[in-house]
Amino acid sequence: MTYEVVCDSADREAWLKARLSGVGASESPVLLGASKFESPVSLWGVKTGRLPEEFDAENERMLWGQRLEPLVAEEYERRTRRRLDRWGKLLRSTESPHMIATPDY
């Protein structure tokens, strides 16, 4: 699969805006009806601007996920002896432009 870099996640405003233009990895379970936190209708509302996106560090699950990412990466490096670098760029598939992702490492 080929992709293009859309923006850097360090520019939070640009990243949040760009995320509205596609479906990311964390949103896939919502579309499949496998999320207990969000419905396909609420995701549609966010993507179309009809509902506000509540995407901030105040969200407990996201706060802990973000805080634990470096620890998980460090343990992966220790166990596998493979080095990881923090990356954080929003990517868009050139083959399926609705597919986006922001790999953390």
PDB file of N, CA and C in Angstrom:
ATOM      1  N   MET A   1       0.849  -1.171   0.000  1.00  0.00           N
ATOM      2  CA  MET A   1       0.000   0.000   0.000  1.00  0.00           C
ATOM      3  C   MET A   1       0.897   1.238   0.000  1.00  0.00           C
ATOM      4  N   THR A   2       0.529   2.204  -0.784  1.00  0.00           N
ATOM      5  CA  THR A   2       1.261   3.461  -0.812  1.00  0.00           C
ATOM      6  C   THR A   2       0.447   4.523  -0.073  1.00  0.00           C
ATOM      7  N   TYR A   3       1.139   5.514   0.426  1.00  0.00           N
ATOM      8  CA  TYR A   3       0.476   6.541   1.210  1.00  0.00           C
ATOM      9  C   TYR A   3       1.167   7.875   1.005  1.00  0.00           C
ATOM     10  N   GLU A   4       0.474   8.926   1.441  1.00  0.00           N
ATOM     11  CA  GLU A   4       1.055  10.260   1.448  1.00  0.00           C
ATOM     12  C   GLU A   4       0.994  10.802   2.870  1.00  0.00           C
ATOM     13  N   VAL A   5       1.957  11.632   3.226  1.00  0.00           N
ATOM     14  CA  VAL A   5       1.946  12.282   4.527  1.00  0.00           C
ATOM     15  C   VAL A   5       1.053  13.507   4.417  1.00  0.00           C
ATOM     16  N   VAL A   6       0.054  13.580   5.284  1.00  0.00           N
ATOM     17  CA  VAL A   6      -0.888  14.697   5.273  1.00  0.00           C
ATOM     18  C   VAL A   6      -0.387  15.833   6.153  1.00  0.00           C
ATOM     19  N   CYS A   7      -0.006  15.514   7.387  1.00  0.00           N
ATOM     20  CA  CYS A   7       0.498  16.528   8.308  1.00  0.00           C
ATOM     21  C   CYS A   7       1.184  15.844   9.484  1.00  0.00           C
ATOM     22  N   ASP A   8       1.843  16.644  10.284  1.00  0.00           N
ATOM     23  CA  ASP A   8       2.494  16.150  11.488  1.00  0.00           C
ATOM     24  C   ASP A   8       1.524  16.299  12.651  1.00  0.00           C
ATOM     25  N   SER A   9       1.443  15.290  13.508  1.00  0.00           N
ATOM     26  CA  SER A   9       0.508  15.362  14.632  1.00  0.00           C
ATOM     27  C   SER A   9       0.942  16.392  15.673  1.00  0.00           C
ATOM     28  N   ALA A  10       2.168  16.898  15.575  1.00  0.00           N
ATOM     29  CA  ALA A  10       2.615  17.962  16.486  1.00  0.00           C
ATOM     30  C   ALA A  10       1.817  19.239  16.254  1.00  0.00           C
ATOM     31  N   ASP A  11       1.332  19.444  15.017  1.00  0.00           N
ATOM     32  CA  ASP A  11       0.443  20.571  14.711  1.00  0.00           C
ATOM     33  C   ASP A  11      -0.973  20.078  14.979  1.00  0.00           C
ATOM     34  N   ARG A  12      -1.396  20.133  16.226  1.00  0.00           N
ATOM     35  CA  ARG A  12      -2.651  19.516  16.663  1.00  0.00           C
ATOM     36  C   ARG A  12      -3.863  20.033  15.897  1.00  0.00           C
ATOM     37  N   GLU A  13      -3.939  21.339  15.651  1.00  0.00           N
ATOM     38  CA  GLU A  13      -5.093  21.884  14.923  1.00  0.00           C
ATOM     39  C   GLU A  13      -5.189  21.306  13.521  1.00  0.00           C
ATOM     40  N   ALA A  14      -4.077  21.295  12.803  1.00  0.00           N
ATOM     41  CA  ALA A  14      -4.071  20.746  11.444  1.00  0.00           C
ATOM     42  C   ALA A  14      -4.389  19.258  11.476  1.00  0.00           C
ATOM     43  N   TRP A  15      -3.846  18.542  12.462  1.00  0.00           N
ATOM     44  CA  TRP A  15      -4.075  17.102  12.591  1.00  0.00           C
ATOM     45  C   TRP A  15      -5.547  16.807  12.863  1.00  0.00           C
ATOM     46  N   LEU A  16      -6.158  17.528  13.814  1.00  0.00           N
ATOM     47  CA  LEU A  16      -7.573  17.306  14.127  1.00  0.00           C
ATOM     48  C   LEU A  16      -8.454  17.587  12.915  1.00  0.00           C
ATOM     49  N   LYS A  17      -8.151  18.660  12.194  1.00  0.00           N
ATOM     50  CA  LYS A  17      -8.932  19.001  10.996  1.00  0.00           C
ATOM     51  C   LYS A  17      -8.772  17.927   9.917  1.00  0.00           C
ATOM     52  N   ALA A  18      -7.541  17.472   9.707  1.00  0.00           N
ATOM     53  CA  ALA A  18      -7.279  16.465   8.671  1.00  0.00           C
ATOM     54  C   ALA A  18      -7.935  15.127   9.011  1.00  0.00           C
ATOM     55  N   ARG A  19      -8.055  14.806  10.286  1.00  0.00           N
ATOM     56  CA  ARG A  19      -8.682  13.544  10.701  1.00  0.00           C
ATOM     57  C   ARG A  19     -10.156  13.477  10.297  1.00  0.00           C
ATOM     58  N   LEU A  20     -10.783  14.631  10.119  1.00  0.00           N
ATOM     59  CA  LEU A  20     -12.193  14.643   9.724  1.00  0.00           C
ATOM     60  C   LEU A  20     -12.388  14.161   8.290  1.00  0.00           C
ATOM     61  N   SER A  21     -11.303  14.097   7.517  1.00  0.00           N
ATOM     62  CA  SER A  21     -11.414  13.772   6.091  1.00  0.00           C
ATOM     63  C   SER A  21     -11.301  12.282   5.784  1.00  0.00           C
ATOM     64  N   GLY A  22     -11.236  11.444   6.807  1.00  0.00           N
ATOM     65  CA  GLY A  22     -11.114  10.011   6.553  1.00  0.00           C
ATOM     66  C   GLY A  22     -11.442   9.203   7.784  1.00  0.00           C
ATOM     67  N   VAL A  23     -11.263   7.907   7.668  1.00  0.00           N
ATOM     68  CA  VAL A  23     -11.514   6.981   8.775  1.00  0.00           C
ATOM     69  C   VAL A  23     -10.177   6.411   9.233  1.00  0.00           C
ATOM     70  N   GLY A  24      -9.871   6.624  10.511  1.00  0.00           N
ATOM     71  CA  GLY A  24      -8.621   6.139  11.077  1.00  0.00           C
ATOM     72  C   GLY A  24      -8.785   4.803  11.768  1.00  0.00           C
ATOM     73  N   ALA A  25      -7.661   4.272  12.193  1.00  0.00           N
ATOM     74  CA  ALA A  25      -7.650   2.948  12.826  1.00  0.00           C
ATOM     75  C   ALA A  25      -8.527   2.895  14.067  1.00  0.00           C
ATOM     76  N   SER A  26      -8.511   3.936  14.881  1.00  0.00           N
ATOM     77  CA  SER A  26      -9.310   3.912  16.105  1.00  0.00           C
ATOM     78  C   SER A  26     -10.803   4.048  15.824  1.00  0.00           C
ATOM     79  N   GLU A  27     -11.163   4.451  14.618  1.00  0.00           N
ATOM     80  CA  GLU A  27     -12.577   4.601  14.252  1.00  0.00           C
ATOM     81  C   GLU A  27     -13.144   3.369  13.547  1.00  0.00           C
ATOM     82  N   SER A  28     -12.281   2.490  13.106  1.00  0.00           N
ATOM     83  CA  SER A  28     -12.732   1.289  12.400  1.00  0.00           C
ATOM     84  C   SER A  28     -13.696   0.445  13.225  1.00  0.00           C
ATOM     85  N   PRO A  29     -13.422   0.199  14.521  1.00  0.00           N
ATOM     86  CA  PRO A  29     -14.377  -0.591  15.305  1.00  0.00           C
ATOM     87  C   PRO A  29     -15.759   0.067  15.391  1.00  0.00           C
ATOM     88  N   VAL A  30     -15.796   1.391  15.350  1.00  0.00           N
ATOM     89  CA  VAL A  30     -17.071   2.105  15.388  1.00  0.00           C
ATOM     90  C   VAL A  30     -17.891   1.738  14.156  1.00  0.00           C
ATOM     91  N   LEU A  31     -17.251   1.785  12.989  1.00  0.00           N
ATOM     92  CA  LEU A  31     -17.955   1.472  11.740  1.00  0.00           C
ATOM     93  C   LEU A  31     -18.439   0.027  11.690  1.00  0.00           C
ATOM     94  N   LEU A  32     -17.711  -0.852  12.368  1.00  0.00           N
ATOM     95  CA  LEU A  32     -18.069  -2.270  12.382  1.00  0.00           C
ATOM     96  C   LEU A  32     -19.048  -2.610  13.503  1.00  0.00           C
ATOM     97  N   GLY A  33     -19.464  -1.598  14.268  1.00  0.00           N
ATOM     98  CA  GLY A  33     -20.394  -1.830  15.363  1.00  0.00           C
ATOM     99  C   GLY A  33     -19.754  -2.530  16.551  1.00  0.00           C
ATOM    100  N   ALA A  34     -18.429  -2.495  16.651  1.00  0.00           N
ATOM    101  CA  ALA A  34     -17.722  -3.205  17.717  1.00  0.00           C
ATOM    102  C   ALA A  34     -17.249  -2.282  18.837  1.00  0.00           C
ATOM    103  N   SER A  35     -17.644  -1.018  18.810  1.00  0.00           N
ATOM    104  CA  SER A  35     -17.224  -0.073  19.844  1.00  0.00           C
ATOM    105  C   SER A  35     -18.340   0.123  20.857  1.00  0.00           C
ATOM    106  N   LYS A  36     -17.980   0.062  22.133  1.00  0.00           N
ATOM    107  CA  LYS A  36     -18.976   0.343  23.163  1.00  0.00           C
ATOM    108  C   LYS A  36     -18.927   1.814  23.575  1.00  0.00           C
ATOM    109  N   PHE A  37     -18.056   2.596  22.939  1.00  0.00           N
ATOM    110  CA  PHE A  37     -17.887   3.993  23.296  1.00  0.00           C
ATOM    111  C   PHE A  37     -18.535   4.960  22.304  1.00  0.00           C
ATOM    112  N   GLU A  38     -18.765   4.509  21.091  1.00  0.00           N
ATOM    113  CA  GLU A  38     -19.303   5.396  20.055  1.00  0.00           C
ATOM    114  C   GLU A  38     -20.110   4.573  19.068  1.00  0.00           C
ATOM    115  N   SER A  39     -21.076   5.240  18.430  1.00  0.00           N
ATOM    116  CA  SER A  39     -21.909   4.553  17.434  1.00  0.00           C
ATOM    117  C   SER A  39     -21.542   5.056  16.040  1.00  0.00           C
ATOM    118  N   PRO A  40     -21.881   4.285  15.008  1.00  0.00           N
ATOM    119  CA  PRO A  40     -21.646   4.760  13.642  1.00  0.00           C
ATOM    120  C   PRO A  40     -22.345   6.096  13.371  1.00  0.00           C
ATOM    121  N   VAL A  41     -23.514   6.303  13.955  1.00  0.00           N
ATOM    122  CA  VAL A  41     -24.245   7.557  13.741  1.00  0.00           C
ATOM    123  C   VAL A  41     -23.505   8.729  14.386  1.00  0.00           C
ATOM    124  N   SER A  42     -22.974   8.530  15.598  1.00  0.00           N
ATOM    125  CA  SER A  42     -22.239   9.633  16.231  1.00  0.00           C
ATOM    126  C   SER A  42     -20.943   9.925  15.471  1.00  0.00           C
ATOM    127  N   LEU A  43     -20.286   8.893  14.951  1.00  0.00           N
ATOM    128  CA  LEU A  43     -19.083   9.105  14.146  1.00  0.00           C
ATOM    129  C   LEU A  43     -19.427   9.892  12.886  1.00  0.00           C
ATOM    130  N   TRP A  44     -20.523   9.546  12.256  1.00  0.00           N
ATOM    131  CA  TRP A  44     -20.986  10.290  11.080  1.00  0.00           C
ATOM    132  C   TRP A  44     -21.226  11.745  11.454  1.00  0.00           C
ATOM    133  N   GLY A  45     -21.836  11.976  12.613  1.00  0.00           N
ATOM    134  CA  GLY A  45     -22.099  13.342  13.061  1.00  0.00           C
ATOM    135  C   GLY A  45     -20.830  14.148  13.244  1.00  0.00           C
ATOM    136  N   VAL A  46     -19.805  13.514  13.794  1.00  0.00           N
ATOM    137  CA  VAL A  46     -18.516  14.193  13.979  1.00  0.00           C
ATOM    138  C   VAL A  46     -17.872  14.472  12.632  1.00  0.00           C
ATOM    139  N   LYS A  47     -17.831  13.474  11.764  1.00  0.00           N
ATOM    140  CA  LYS A  47     -17.155  13.629  10.466  1.00  0.00           C
ATOM    141  C   LYS A  47     -17.831  14.663   9.569  1.00  0.00           C
ATOM    142  N   THR A  48     -19.129  14.835   9.732  1.00  0.00           N
ATOM    143  CA  THR A  48     -19.856  15.805   8.901  1.00  0.00           C
ATOM    144  C   THR A  48     -20.016  17.160   9.583  1.00  0.00           C
ATOM    145  N   GLY A  49     -19.451  17.307  10.788  1.00  0.00           N
ATOM    146  CA  GLY A  49     -19.522  18.579  11.488  1.00  0.00           C
ATOM    147  C   GLY A  49     -20.838  18.840  12.193  1.00  0.00           C
ATOM    148  N   ARG A  50     -21.703  17.844  12.277  1.00  0.00           N
ATOM    149  CA  ARG A  50     -22.989  18.012  12.946  1.00  0.00           C
ATOM    150  C   ARG A  50     -22.892  17.826  14.466  1.00  0.00           C
ATOM    151  N   LEU A  51     -21.848  17.132  14.912  1.00  0.00           N
ATOM    152  CA  LEU A  51     -21.604  16.932  16.342  1.00  0.00           C
ATOM    153  C   LEU A  51     -20.164  17.349  16.644  1.00  0.00           C
ATOM    154  N   PRO A  52     -19.924  17.895  17.829  1.00  0.00           N
ATOM    155  CA  PRO A  52     -18.548  18.262  18.178  1.00  0.00           C
ATOM    156  C   PRO A  52     -17.719  17.012  18.451  1.00  0.00           C
ATOM    157  N   GLU A  53     -16.470  17.079  18.069  1.00  0.00           N
ATOM    158  CA  GLU A  53     -15.570  15.960  18.355  1.00  0.00           C
ATOM    159  C   GLU A  53     -14.981  16.172  19.740  1.00  0.00           C
ATOM    160  N   GLU A  54     -15.195  15.231  20.607  1.00  0.00           N
ATOM    161  CA  GLU A  54     -14.665  15.322  21.961  1.00  0.00           C
ATOM    162  C   GLU A  54     -13.359  14.542  22.002  1.00  0.00           C
ATOM    163  N   PHE A  55     -12.335  15.129  21.426  1.00  0.00           N
ATOM    164  CA  PHE A  55     -11.053  14.463  21.272  1.00  0.00           C
ATOM    165  C   PHE A  55      -9.996  15.288  21.981  1.00  0.00           C
ATOM    166  N   ASP A  56      -9.824  15.030  23.281  1.00  0.00           N
ATOM    167  CA  ASP A  56      -8.811  15.752  24.032  1.00  0.00           C
ATOM    168  C   ASP A  56      -8.281  14.881  25.160  1.00  0.00           C
ATOM    169  N   ALA A  57      -7.239  15.337  25.797  1.00  0.00           N
ATOM    170  CA  ALA A  57      -6.596  14.552  26.852  1.00  0.00           C
ATOM    171  C   ALA A  57      -7.481  14.420  28.084  1.00  0.00           C
ATOM    172  N   GLU A  58      -8.604  15.124  28.138  1.00  0.00           N
ATOM    173  CA  GLU A  58      -9.522  15.006  29.267  1.00  0.00           C
ATOM    174  C   GLU A  58     -10.211  13.641  29.255  1.00  0.00           C
ATOM    175  N   ASN A  59     -10.292  13.044  28.078  1.00  0.00           N
ATOM    176  CA  ASN A  59     -10.906  11.725  27.951  1.00  0.00           C
ATOM    177  C   ASN A  59      -9.985  10.716  28.638  1.00  0.00           C
ATOM    178  N   GLU A  60     -10.476  10.072  29.683  1.00  0.00           N
ATOM    179  CA  GLU A  60      -9.646   9.206  30.525  1.00  0.00           C
ATOM    180  C   GLU A  60      -8.938   8.100  29.749  1.00  0.00           C
ATOM    181  N   ARG A  61      -9.650   7.408  28.870  1.00  0.00           N
ATOM    182  CA  ARG A  61      -9.034   6.312  28.108  1.00  0.00           C
ATOM    183  C   ARG A  61      -7.904   6.835  27.228  1.00  0.00           C
ATOM    184  N   MET A  62      -8.158   7.947  26.575  1.00  0.00           N
ATOM    185  CA  MET A  62      -7.147   8.502  25.679  1.00  0.00           C
ATOM    186  C   MET A  62      -5.963   9.058  26.466  1.00  0.00           C
ATOM    187  N   LEU A  63      -6.242   9.678  27.600  1.00  0.00           N
ATOM    188  CA  LEU A  63      -5.164  10.212  28.432  1.00  0.00           C
ATOM    189  C   LEU A  63      -4.182   9.108  28.799  1.00  0.00           C
ATOM    190  N   TRP A  64      -4.698   7.992  29.308  1.00  0.00           N
ATOM    191  CA  TRP A  64      -3.822   6.903  29.720  1.00  0.00           C
ATOM    192  C   TRP A  64      -3.163   6.212  28.532  1.00  0.00           C
ATOM    193  N   GLY A  65      -3.876   6.104  27.441  1.00  0.00           N
ATOM    194  CA  GLY A  65      -3.262   5.530  26.245  1.00  0.00           C
ATOM    195  C   GLY A  65      -2.071   6.350  25.782  1.00  0.00           C
ATOM    196  N   GLN A  66      -2.229   7.657  25.763  1.00  0.00           N
ATOM    197  CA  GLN A  66      -1.137   8.537  25.339  1.00  0.00           C
ATOM    198  C   GLN A  66       0.017   8.510  26.335  1.00  0.00           C
ATOM    199  N   ARG A  67      -0.290   8.468  27.613  1.00  0.00           N
ATOM    200  CA  ARG A  67       0.775   8.479  28.624  1.00  0.00           C
ATOM    201  C   ARG A  67       1.546   7.169  28.660  1.00  0.00           C
ATOM    202  N   LEU A  68       0.880   6.062  28.311  1.00  0.00           N
ATOM    203  CA  LEU A  68       1.538   4.762  28.374  1.00  0.00           C
ATOM    204  C   LEU A  68       2.272   4.379  27.090  1.00  0.00           C
ATOM    205  N   GLU A  69       2.009   5.074  25.988  1.00  0.00           N
ATOM    206  CA  GLU A  69       2.663   4.747  24.715  1.00  0.00           C
ATOM    207  C   GLU A  69       4.184   4.643  24.838  1.00  0.00           C
ATOM    208  N   PRO A  70       4.863   5.625  25.443  1.00  0.00           N
ATOM    209  CA  PRO A  70       6.326   5.516  25.541  1.00  0.00           C
ATOM    210  C   PRO A  70       6.780   4.307  26.358  1.00  0.00           C
ATOM    211  N   LEU A  71       6.050   3.961  27.407  1.00  0.00           N
ATOM    212  CA  LEU A  71       6.411   2.798  28.222  1.00  0.00           C
ATOM    213  C   LEU A  71       6.249   1.498  27.444  1.00  0.00           C
ATOM    214  N   VAL A  72       5.171   1.411  26.679  1.00  0.00           N
ATOM    215  CA  VAL A  72       4.946   0.218  25.858  1.00  0.00           C
ATOM    216  C   VAL A  72       6.033   0.109  24.796  1.00  0.00           C
ATOM    217  N   ALA A  73       6.386   1.226  24.169  1.00  0.00           N
ATOM    218  CA  ALA A  73       7.449   1.219  23.156  1.00  0.00           C
ATOM    219  C   ALA A  73       8.786   0.820  23.775  1.00  0.00           C
ATOM    220  N   GLU A  74       9.070   1.337  24.965  1.00  0.00           N
ATOM    221  CA  GLU A  74      10.312   0.999  25.649  1.00  0.00           C
ATOM    222  C   GLU A  74      10.379  -0.502  25.966  1.00  0.00           C
ATOM    223  N   GLU A  75       9.288  -1.061  26.428  1.00  0.00           N
ATOM    224  CA  GLU A  75       9.270  -2.496  26.746  1.00  0.00           C
ATOM    225  C   GLU A  75       9.402  -3.338  25.477  1.00  0.00           C
ATOM    226  N   TYR A  76       8.770  -2.902  24.392  1.00  0.00           N
ATOM    227  CA  TYR A  76       8.915  -3.590  23.107  1.00  0.00           C
ATOM    228  C   TYR A  76      10.389  -3.611  22.695  1.00  0.00           C
ATOM    229  N   GLU A  77      11.041  -2.453  22.800  1.00  0.00           N
ATOM    230  CA  GLU A  77      12.465  -2.370  22.454  1.00  0.00           C
ATOM    231  C   GLU A  77      13.301  -3.311  23.323  1.00  0.00           C
ATOM    232  N   ARG A  78      13.006  -3.354  24.608  1.00  0.00           N
ATOM    233  CA  ARG A  78      13.755  -4.211  25.524  1.00  0.00           C
ATOM    234  C   ARG A  78      13.587  -5.684  25.165  1.00  0.00           C
ATOM    235  N   ARG A  79      12.355  -6.070  24.873  1.00  0.00           N
ATOM    236  CA  ARG A  79      12.099  -7.494  24.593  1.00  0.00           C
ATOM    237  C   ARG A  79      12.603  -7.930  23.225  1.00  0.00           C
ATOM    238  N   THR A  80      12.502  -7.062  22.242  1.00  0.00           N
ATOM    239  CA  THR A  80      12.850  -7.457  20.870  1.00  0.00           C
ATOM    240  C   THR A  80      14.241  -7.003  20.437  1.00  0.00           C
ATOM    241  N   ARG A  81      14.824  -6.094  21.198  1.00  0.00           N
ATOM    242  CA  ARG A  81      16.105  -5.467  20.849  1.00  0.00           C
ATOM    243  C   ARG A  81      16.018  -4.716  19.513  1.00  0.00           C
ATOM    244  N   ARG A  82      14.814  -4.248  19.204  1.00  0.00           N
ATOM    245  CA  ARG A  82      14.583  -3.424  18.008  1.00  0.00           C
ATOM    246  C   ARG A  82      14.311  -1.994  18.456  1.00  0.00           C
ATOM    247  N   ARG A  83      14.947  -1.051  17.811  1.00  0.00           N
ATOM    248  CA  ARG A  83      14.780   0.353  18.179  1.00  0.00           C
ATOM    249  C   ARG A  83      13.533   0.929  17.511  1.00  0.00           C
ATOM    250  N   LEU A  84      12.771   1.704  18.267  1.00  0.00           N
ATOM    251  CA  LEU A  84      11.609   2.404  17.738  1.00  0.00           C
ATOM    252  C   LEU A  84      11.836   3.902  17.826  1.00  0.00           C
ATOM    253  N   ASP A  85      11.319   4.640  16.867  1.00  0.00           N
ATOM    254  CA  ASP A  85      11.355   6.099  16.913  1.00  0.00           C
ATOM    255  C   ASP A  85       9.922   6.605  16.898  1.00  0.00           C
ATOM    256  N   ARG A  86       9.656   7.612  17.710  1.00  0.00           N
ATOM    257  CA  ARG A  86       8.333   8.237  17.706  1.00  0.00           C
ATOM    258  C   ARG A  86       8.180   8.931  16.357  1.00  0.00           C
ATOM    259  N   TRP A  87       7.032   8.729  15.719  1.00  0.00           N
ATOM    260  CA  TRP A  87       6.871   9.259  14.371  1.00  0.00           C
ATOM    261  C   TRP A  87       5.749  10.279  14.314  1.00  0.00           C
ATOM    262  N   GLY A  88       4.505   9.865  14.432  1.00  0.00           N
ATOM    263  CA  GLY A  88       3.395  10.795  14.570  1.00  0.00           C
ATOM    264  C   GLY A  88       3.021  11.635  13.363  1.00  0.00           C
ATOM    265  N   LYS A  89       3.042  11.072  12.191  1.00  0.00           N
ATOM    266  CA  LYS A  89       2.581  11.782  10.998  1.00  0.00           C
ATOM    267  C   LYS A  89       1.259  11.157  10.547  1.00  0.00           C
ATOM    268  N   LEU A  90       0.315  11.995  10.148  1.00  0.00           N
ATOM    269  CA  LEU A  90      -0.959  11.497   9.623  1.00  0.00           C
ATOM    270  C   LEU A  90      -0.739  11.068   8.182  1.00  0.00           C
ATOM    271  N   LEU A  91      -1.074   9.819   7.904  1.00  0.00           N
ATOM    272  CA  LEU A  91      -0.911   9.246   6.566  1.00  0.00           C
ATOM    273  C   LEU A  91      -2.263   9.023   5.918  1.00  0.00           C
ATOM    274  N   ARG A  92      -2.306   9.143   4.592  1.00  0.00           N
ATOM    275  CA  ARG A  92      -3.512   8.843   3.823  1.00  0.00           C
ATOM    276  C   ARG A  92      -3.136   7.849   2.737  1.00  0.00           C
ATOM    277  N   SER A  93      -3.932   6.795   2.627  1.00  0.00           N
ATOM    278  CA  SER A  93      -3.706   5.816   1.573  1.00  0.00           C
ATOM    279  C   SER A  93      -3.954   6.469   0.217  1.00  0.00           C
ATOM    280  N   THR A  94      -3.040   6.278  -0.723  1.00  0.00           N
ATOM    281  CA  THR A  94      -3.263   6.809  -2.073  1.00  0.00           C
ATOM    282  C   THR A  94      -4.192   5.905  -2.866  1.00  0.00           C
ATOM    283  N   GLU A  95      -4.318   4.648  -2.440  1.00  0.00           N
ATOM    284  CA  GLU A  95      -5.209   3.704  -3.115  1.00  0.00           C
ATOM    285  C   GLU A  95      -6.641   3.804  -2.603  1.00  0.00           C
ATOM    286  N   SER A  96      -6.798   4.074  -1.316  1.00  0.00           N
ATOM    287  CA  SER A  96      -8.121   4.233  -0.687  1.00  0.00           C
ATOM    288  C   SER A  96      -8.063   5.501   0.156  1.00  0.00           C
ATOM    289  N   PRO A  97      -8.282   6.664  -0.462  1.00  0.00           N
ATOM    290  CA  PRO A  97      -8.063   7.948   0.212  1.00  0.00           C
ATOM    291  C   PRO A  97      -8.886   8.183   1.480  1.00  0.00           C
ATOM    292  N   HIS A  98      -9.928   7.398   1.697  1.00  0.00           N
ATOM    293  CA  HIS A  98     -10.712   7.555   2.926  1.00  0.00           C
ATOM    294  C   HIS A  98     -10.008   6.920   4.125  1.00  0.00           C
ATOM    295  N   MET A  99      -8.954   6.126   3.881  1.00  0.00           N
ATOM    296  CA  MET A  99      -8.229   5.446   4.950  1.00  0.00           C
ATOM    297  C   MET A  99      -7.053   6.303   5.413  1.00  0.00           C
ATOM    298  N   ILE A 100      -7.065   6.644   6.723  1.00  0.00           N
ATOM    299  CA  ILE A 100      -5.998   7.447   7.301  1.00  0.00           C
ATOM    300  C   ILE A 100      -5.482   6.759   8.572  1.00  0.00           C
ATOM    301  N   ALA A 101      -4.285   7.127   8.989  1.00  0.00           N
ATOM    302  CA  ALA A 101      -3.721   6.580  10.220  1.00  0.00           C
ATOM    303  C   ALA A 101      -2.582   7.474  10.693  1.00  0.00           C
ATOM    304  N   THR A 102      -2.380   7.475  12.001  1.00  0.00           N
ATOM    305  CA  THR A 102      -1.257   8.183  12.599  1.00  0.00           C
ATOM    306  C   THR A 102      -0.472   7.180  13.440  1.00  0.00           C
ATOM    307  N   PRO A 103       0.477   6.483  12.829  1.00  0.00           N
ATOM    308  CA  PRO A 103       1.296   5.555  13.611  1.00  0.00           C
ATOM    309  C   PRO A 103       2.074   6.319  14.677  1.00  0.00           C
ATOM    310  N   ASP A 104       2.048   5.809  15.902  1.00  0.00           N
ATOM    311  CA  ASP A 104       2.740   6.496  16.992  1.00  0.00           C
ATOM    312  C   ASP A 104       4.242   6.279  16.929  1.00  0.00           C
ATOM    313  N   TYR A 105       4.652   5.051  16.617  1.00  0.00           N
ATOM    314  CA  TYR A 105       6.077   4.711  16.562  1.00  0.00           C
ATOM    315  C   TYR A 105       6.363   3.971  15.289  1.00  0.00           C
TER     316      TYR A 105
END
